[in-house]
Amino acid sequence: MAINPRKHLGLGPLKKPLFGHNRSHALNATQKISKPNIQKRKITINDKVYVVKLTVREIRTLDKKGVSLK
């Protein structure tokens, strides 16, 4: 049975990019994308290693809770 490492860590779905506009003084609108800072980390669950994509904020939160990531 496959385990979902993000669910095991108590995390929700992976963050998506935010879209918006850059507005100039003349109110011209150009597209703007803010991408989340996603990193890959390894975690061991039941002697099996999983590679999980985490945002830096999630890594900091897990570090605060004492979860060991590689």
PDB file of N, CA and C in Angstrom:
ATOM      1  N   MET A   1       0.836  -1.175   0.000  1.00  0.00           N
ATOM      2  CA  MET A   1       0.000   0.000   0.000  1.00  0.00           C
ATOM      3  C   MET A   1       0.886   1.245   0.000  1.00  0.00           C
ATOM      4  N   ALA A   2       0.652   2.152  -0.938  1.00  0.00           N
ATOM      5  CA  ALA A   2       1.451   3.365  -1.045  1.00  0.00           C
ATOM      6  C   ALA A   2       1.028   4.370   0.017  1.00  0.00           C
ATOM      7  N   ILE A   3       2.007   5.066   0.564  1.00  0.00           N
ATOM      8  CA  ILE A   3       1.739   6.071   1.582  1.00  0.00           C
ATOM      9  C   ILE A   3       1.992   7.452   0.971  1.00  0.00           C
ATOM     10  N   ASN A   4       1.161   8.407   1.331  1.00  0.00           N
ATOM     11  CA  ASN A   4       1.349   9.777   0.881  1.00  0.00           C
ATOM     12  C   ASN A   4       2.200  10.499   1.915  1.00  0.00           C
ATOM     13  N   PRO A   5       3.471  10.808   1.586  1.00  0.00           N
ATOM     14  CA  PRO A   5       4.349  11.423   2.587  1.00  0.00           C
ATOM     15  C   PRO A   5       3.863  12.787   3.061  1.00  0.00           C
ATOM     16  N   ARG A   6       3.259  13.588   2.175  1.00  0.00           N
ATOM     17  CA  ARG A   6       2.764  14.906   2.589  1.00  0.00           C
ATOM     18  C   ARG A   6       1.642  14.766   3.608  1.00  0.00           C
ATOM     19  N   LYS A   7       0.762  13.791   3.412  1.00  0.00           N
ATOM     20  CA  LYS A   7      -0.324  13.565   4.356  1.00  0.00           C
ATOM     21  C   LYS A   7       0.228  13.027   5.677  1.00  0.00           C
ATOM     22  N   HIS A   8       1.252  12.180   5.599  1.00  0.00           N
ATOM     23  CA  HIS A   8       1.880  11.629   6.797  1.00  0.00           C
ATOM     24  C   HIS A   8       2.518  12.745   7.633  1.00  0.00           C
ATOM     25  N   LEU A   9       3.059  13.779   6.962  1.00  0.00           N
ATOM     26  CA  LEU A   9       3.672  14.901   7.657  1.00  0.00           C
ATOM     27  C   LEU A   9       2.639  15.910   8.156  1.00  0.00           C
ATOM     28  N   GLY A  10       1.379  15.728   7.776  1.00  0.00           N
ATOM     29  CA  GLY A  10       0.334  16.640   8.198  1.00  0.00           C
ATOM     30  C   GLY A  10       0.256  17.894   7.347  1.00  0.00           C
ATOM     31  N   LEU A  11       0.666  17.788   6.080  1.00  0.00           N
ATOM     32  CA  LEU A  11       0.670  18.929   5.172  1.00  0.00           C
ATOM     33  C   LEU A  11      -0.464  18.820   4.172  1.00  0.00           C
ATOM     34  N   GLY A  12      -0.869  19.953   3.650  1.00  0.00           N
ATOM     35  CA  GLY A  12      -1.906  19.998   2.632  1.00  0.00           C
ATOM     36  C   GLY A  12      -1.300  19.831   1.247  1.00  0.00           C
ATOM     37  N   PRO A  13      -2.040  20.212   0.208  1.00  0.00           N
ATOM     38  CA  PRO A  13      -1.524  20.097  -1.157  1.00  0.00           C
ATOM     39  C   PRO A  13      -0.371  21.068  -1.409  1.00  0.00           C
ATOM     40  N   LEU A  14       0.406  20.790  -2.446  1.00  0.00           N
ATOM     41  CA  LEU A  14       1.552  21.614  -2.803  1.00  0.00           C
ATOM     42  C   LEU A  14       1.089  22.984  -3.291  1.00  0.00           C
ATOM     43  N   LYS A  15       1.811  24.023  -2.921  1.00  0.00           N
ATOM     44  CA  LYS A  15       1.452  25.395  -3.295  1.00  0.00           C
ATOM     45  C   LYS A  15       1.624  25.602  -4.790  1.00  0.00           C
ATOM     46  N   LYS A  16       0.741  26.424  -5.356  1.00  0.00           N
ATOM     47  CA  LYS A  16       0.757  26.750  -6.783  1.00  0.00           C
ATOM     48  C   LYS A  16       1.232  28.189  -6.960  1.00  0.00           C
ATOM     49  N   PRO A  17       1.660  28.559  -8.183  1.00  0.00           N
ATOM     50  CA  PRO A  17       2.068  29.944  -8.423  1.00  0.00           C
ATOM     51  C   PRO A  17       0.900  30.921  -8.284  1.00  0.00           C
ATOM     52  N   LEU A  18       1.222  32.150  -7.876  1.00  0.00           N
ATOM     53  CA  LEU A  18       0.243  33.217  -7.800  1.00  0.00           C
ATOM     54  C   LEU A  18       0.378  34.088  -9.044  1.00  0.00           C
ATOM     55  N   PHE A  19      -0.745  34.497  -9.626  1.00  0.00           N
ATOM     56  CA  PHE A  19      -0.751  35.310 -10.827  1.00  0.00           C
ATOM     57  C   PHE A  19      -1.325  36.677 -10.510  1.00  0.00           C
ATOM     58  N   GLY A  20      -0.817  37.680 -11.195  1.00  0.00           N
ATOM     59  CA  GLY A  20      -1.326  39.030 -11.008  1.00  0.00           C
ATOM     60  C   GLY A  20      -0.774  39.944 -12.081  1.00  0.00           C
ATOM     61  N   HIS A  21      -0.790  41.231 -11.807  1.00  0.00           N
ATOM     62  CA  HIS A  21      -0.307  42.218 -12.752  1.00  0.00           C
ATOM     63  C   HIS A  21       0.683  43.157 -12.091  1.00  0.00           C
ATOM     64  N   ASN A  22       1.681  43.594 -12.864  1.00  0.00           N
ATOM     65  CA  ASN A  22       2.490  44.736 -12.476  1.00  0.00           C
ATOM     66  C   ASN A  22       1.793  45.970 -13.024  1.00  0.00           C
ATOM     67  N   ARG A  23       1.547  46.949 -12.180  1.00  0.00           N
ATOM     68  CA  ARG A  23       0.869  48.169 -12.617  1.00  0.00           C
ATOM     69  C   ARG A  23       1.873  49.317 -12.618  1.00  0.00           C
ATOM     70  N   SER A  24       2.031  49.955 -13.771  1.00  0.00           N
ATOM     71  CA  SER A  24       2.912  51.112 -13.868  1.00  0.00           C
ATOM     72  C   SER A  24       2.162  52.368 -13.430  1.00  0.00           C
ATOM     73  N   HIS A  25       2.880  53.476 -13.417  1.00  0.00           N
ATOM     74  CA  HIS A  25       2.259  54.759 -13.055  1.00  0.00           C
ATOM     75  C   HIS A  25       1.179  55.145 -14.071  1.00  0.00           C
ATOM     76  N   ALA A  26       1.372  54.702 -15.331  1.00  0.00           N
ATOM     77  CA  ALA A  26       0.386  54.969 -16.377  1.00  0.00           C
ATOM     78  C   ALA A  26      -0.719  53.905 -16.404  1.00  0.00           C
ATOM     79  N   LEU A  27      -0.731  53.029 -15.388  1.00  0.00           N
ATOM     80  CA  LEU A  27      -1.719  51.956 -15.234  1.00  0.00           C
ATOM     81  C   LEU A  27      -1.652  50.910 -16.340  1.00  0.00           C
ATOM     82  N   ASN A  28      -0.470  50.742 -16.945  1.00  0.00           N
ATOM     83  CA  ASN A  28      -0.277  49.635 -17.878  1.00  0.00           C
ATOM     84  C   ASN A  28      -0.176  48.347 -17.060  1.00  0.00           C
ATOM     85  N   ALA A  29      -0.799  47.287 -17.552  1.00  0.00           N
ATOM     86  CA  ALA A  29      -0.801  46.014 -16.827  1.00  0.00           C
ATOM     87  C   ALA A  29       0.047  45.003 -17.583  1.00  0.00           C
ATOM     88  N   THR A  30       1.068  44.453 -16.923  1.00  0.00           N
ATOM     89  CA  THR A  30       1.861  43.366 -17.475  1.00  0.00           C
ATOM     90  C   THR A  30       1.751  42.178 -16.537  1.00  0.00           C
ATOM     91  N   GLN A  31       1.825  40.987 -17.102  1.00  0.00           N
ATOM     92  CA  GLN A  31       1.649  39.771 -16.312  1.00  0.00           C
ATOM     93  C   GLN A  31       2.790  39.593 -15.310  1.00  0.00           C
ATOM     94  N   LYS A  32       2.432  39.113 -14.127  1.00  0.00           N
ATOM     95  CA  LYS A  32       3.404  38.838 -13.075  1.00  0.00           C
ATOM     96  C   LYS A  32       3.091  37.479 -12.483  1.00  0.00           C
ATOM     97  N   ILE A  33       4.114  36.670 -12.254  1.00  0.00           N
ATOM     98  CA  ILE A  33       3.948  35.348 -11.643  1.00  0.00           C
ATOM     99  C   ILE A  33       4.867  35.274 -10.428  1.00  0.00           C
ATOM    100  N   SER A  34       4.321  34.887  -9.284  1.00  0.00           N
ATOM    101  CA  SER A  34       5.117  34.652  -8.081  1.00  0.00           C
ATOM    102  C   SER A  34       5.124  33.154  -7.815  1.00  0.00           C
ATOM    103  N   LYS A  35       6.289  32.537  -8.008  1.00  0.00           N
ATOM    104  CA  LYS A  35       6.405  31.095  -7.826  1.00  0.00           C
ATOM    105  C   LYS A  35       6.814  30.774  -6.391  1.00  0.00           C
ATOM    106  N   PRO A  36       6.260  29.699  -5.801  1.00  0.00           N
ATOM    107  CA  PRO A  36       6.681  29.304  -4.455  1.00  0.00           C
ATOM    108  C   PRO A  36       8.087  28.699  -4.485  1.00  0.00           C
ATOM    109  N   ASN A  37       8.813  28.857  -3.391  1.00  0.00           N
ATOM    110  CA  ASN A  37      10.177  28.336  -3.280  1.00  0.00           C
ATOM    111  C   ASN A  37      10.086  26.859  -2.888  1.00  0.00           C
ATOM    112  N   ILE A  38      10.090  25.974  -3.887  1.00  0.00           N
ATOM    113  CA  ILE A  38       9.902  24.535  -3.671  1.00  0.00           C
ATOM    114  C   ILE A  38      11.251  23.829  -3.706  1.00  0.00           C
ATOM    115  N   GLN A  39      11.500  23.003  -2.699  1.00  0.00           N
ATOM    116  CA  GLN A  39      12.732  22.233  -2.575  1.00  0.00           C
ATOM    117  C   GLN A  39      12.385  20.746  -2.459  1.00  0.00           C
ATOM    118  N   LYS A  40      13.321  19.882  -2.826  1.00  0.00           N
ATOM    119  CA  LYS A  40      13.138  18.443  -2.647  1.00  0.00           C
ATOM    120  C   LYS A  40      13.899  18.003  -1.406  1.00  0.00           C
ATOM    121  N   ARG A  41      13.233  17.256  -0.550  1.00  0.00           N
ATOM    122  CA  ARG A  41      13.852  16.719   0.662  1.00  0.00           C
ATOM    123  C   ARG A  41      13.491  15.245   0.795  1.00  0.00           C
ATOM    124  N   LYS A  42      14.382  14.492   1.431  1.00  0.00           N
ATOM    125  CA  LYS A  42      14.140  13.067   1.667  1.00  0.00           C
ATOM    126  C   LYS A  42      13.658  12.881   3.094  1.00  0.00           C
ATOM    127  N   ILE A  43      12.704  11.954   3.261  1.00  0.00           N
ATOM    128  CA  ILE A  43      12.194  11.625   4.586  1.00  0.00           C
ATOM    129  C   ILE A  43      12.055  10.112   4.676  1.00  0.00           C
ATOM    130  N   THR A  44      12.337   9.558   5.841  1.00  0.00           N
ATOM    131  CA  THR A  44      12.233   8.123   6.057  1.00  0.00           C
ATOM    132  C   THR A  44      10.966   7.834   6.859  1.00  0.00           C
ATOM    133  N   ILE A  45      10.088   7.002   6.270  1.00  0.00           N
ATOM    134  CA  ILE A  45       8.860   6.581   6.933  1.00  0.00           C
ATOM    135  C   ILE A  45       8.833   5.056   6.887  1.00  0.00           C
ATOM    136  N   ASN A  46       8.804   4.419   8.050  1.00  0.00           N
ATOM    137  CA  ASN A  46       8.795   2.957   8.159  1.00  0.00           C
ATOM    138  C   ASN A  46       9.947   2.330   7.384  1.00  0.00           C
ATOM    139  N   ASP A  47      11.162   2.837   7.571  1.00  0.00           N
ATOM    140  CA  ASP A  47      12.391   2.344   6.941  1.00  0.00           C
ATOM    141  C   ASP A  47      12.352   2.425   5.416  1.00  0.00           C
ATOM    142  N   LYS A  48      11.543   3.309   4.856  1.00  0.00           N
ATOM    143  CA  LYS A  48      11.500   3.523   3.422  1.00  0.00           C
ATOM    144  C   LYS A  48      11.711   5.005   3.162  1.00  0.00           C
ATOM    145  N   VAL A  49      12.575   5.327   2.197  1.00  0.00           N
ATOM    146  CA  VAL A  49      12.921   6.719   1.913  1.00  0.00           C
ATOM    147  C   VAL A  49      12.005   7.261   0.822  1.00  0.00           C
ATOM    148  N   TYR A  50      11.418   8.429   1.083  1.00  0.00           N
ATOM    149  CA  TYR A  50      10.562   9.120   0.120  1.00  0.00           C
ATOM    150  C   TYR A  50      11.175  10.477  -0.195  1.00  0.00           C
ATOM    151  N   VAL A  51      11.067  10.916  -1.447  1.00  0.00           N
ATOM    152  CA  VAL A  51      11.471  12.265  -1.834  1.00  0.00           C
ATOM    153  C   VAL A  51      10.200  13.100  -1.893  1.00  0.00           C
ATOM    154  N   VAL A  52      10.185  14.182  -1.120  1.00  0.00           N
ATOM    155  CA  VAL A  52       8.997  15.016  -0.985  1.00  0.00           C
ATOM    156  C   VAL A  52       9.341  16.427  -1.450  1.00  0.00           C
ATOM    157  N   LYS A  53       8.428  17.034  -2.207  1.00  0.00           N
ATOM    158  CA  LYS A  53       8.579  18.440  -2.576  1.00  0.00           C
ATOM    159  C   LYS A  53       7.937  19.279  -1.488  1.00  0.00           C
ATOM    160  N   LEU A  54       8.725  20.182  -0.908  1.00  0.00           N
ATOM    161  CA  LEU A  54       8.256  21.029   0.184  1.00  0.00           C
ATOM    162  C   LEU A  54       8.618  22.479  -0.096  1.00  0.00           C
ATOM    163  N   THR A  55       7.770  23.390   0.357  1.00  0.00           N
ATOM    164  CA  THR A  55       8.144  24.792   0.318  1.00  0.00           C
ATOM    165  C   THR A  55       9.085  25.067   1.486  1.00  0.00           C
ATOM    166  N   VAL A  56       9.827  26.158   1.396  1.00  0.00           N
ATOM    167  CA  VAL A  56      10.777  26.488   2.451  1.00  0.00           C
ATOM    168  C   VAL A  56      10.046  26.753   3.758  1.00  0.00           C
ATOM    169  N   ARG A  57       8.868  27.356   3.678  1.00  0.00           N
ATOM    170  CA  ARG A  57       8.080  27.592   4.895  1.00  0.00           C
ATOM    171  C   ARG A  57       7.716  26.268   5.554  1.00  0.00           C
ATOM    172  N   GLU A  58       7.342  25.247   4.763  1.00  0.00           N
ATOM    173  CA  GLU A  58       7.005  23.932   5.329  1.00  0.00           C
ATOM    174  C   GLU A  58       8.241  23.277   5.936  1.00  0.00           C
ATOM    175  N   ILE A  59       9.411  23.447   5.293  1.00  0.00           N
ATOM    176  CA  ILE A  59      10.653  22.881   5.834  1.00  0.00           C
ATOM    177  C   ILE A  59      10.960  23.511   7.189  1.00  0.00           C
ATOM    178  N   ARG A  60      10.806  24.827   7.298  1.00  0.00           N
ATOM    179  CA  ARG A  60      11.060  25.516   8.566  1.00  0.00           C
ATOM    180  C   ARG A  60      10.084  25.060   9.650  1.00  0.00           C
ATOM    181  N   THR A  61       8.820  24.861   9.273  1.00  0.00           N
ATOM    182  CA  THR A  61       7.821  24.413  10.246  1.00  0.00           C
ATOM    183  C   THR A  61       8.128  22.999  10.731  1.00  0.00           C
ATOM    184  N   LEU A  62       8.488  22.093   9.800  1.00  0.00           N
ATOM    185  CA  LEU A  62       8.826  20.730  10.188  1.00  0.00           C
ATOM    186  C   LEU A  62      10.077  20.693  11.036  1.00  0.00           C
ATOM    187  N   ASP A  63      11.046  21.583  10.751  1.00  0.00           N
ATOM    188  CA  ASP A  63      12.259  21.665  11.559  1.00  0.00           C
ATOM    189  C   ASP A  63      11.915  22.114  12.979  1.00  0.00           C
ATOM    190  N   LYS A  64      10.986  23.042  13.092  1.00  0.00           N
ATOM    191  CA  LYS A  64      10.548  23.518  14.404  1.00  0.00           C
ATOM    192  C   LYS A  64       9.858  22.415  15.192  1.00  0.00           C
ATOM    193  N   LYS A  65       9.092  21.552  14.490  1.00  0.00           N
ATOM    194  CA  LYS A  65       8.398  20.447  15.147  1.00  0.00           C
ATOM    195  C   LYS A  65       9.321  19.284  15.469  1.00  0.00           C
ATOM    196  N   GLY A  66      10.537  19.283  14.908  1.00  0.00           N
ATOM    197  CA  GLY A  66      11.492  18.229  15.202  1.00  0.00           C
ATOM    198  C   GLY A  66      11.503  17.087  14.221  1.00  0.00           C
ATOM    199  N   VAL A  67      10.911  17.262  13.023  1.00  0.00           N
ATOM    200  CA  VAL A  67      10.931  16.225  11.999  1.00  0.00           C
ATOM    201  C   VAL A  67      12.252  16.307  11.271  1.00  0.00           C
ATOM    202  N   SER A  68      12.970  15.185  11.137  1.00  0.00           N
ATOM    203  CA  SER A  68      14.283  15.196  10.497  1.00  0.00           C
ATOM    204  C   SER A  68      14.135  14.985   8.995  1.00  0.00           C
ATOM    205  N   LEU A  69      14.656  15.922   8.228  1.00  0.00           N
ATOM    206  CA  LEU A  69      14.664  15.856   6.772  1.00  0.00           C
ATOM    207  C   LEU A  69      16.118  15.822   6.319  1.00  0.00           C
ATOM    208  N   LYS A  70      16.350  15.176   5.168  1.00  0.00           N
ATOM    209  CA  LYS A  70      17.712  15.097   4.617  1.00  0.00           C
ATOM    210  C   LYS A  70      17.803  15.929   3.379  1.00  0.00           C
TER     211      LYS A  70
END
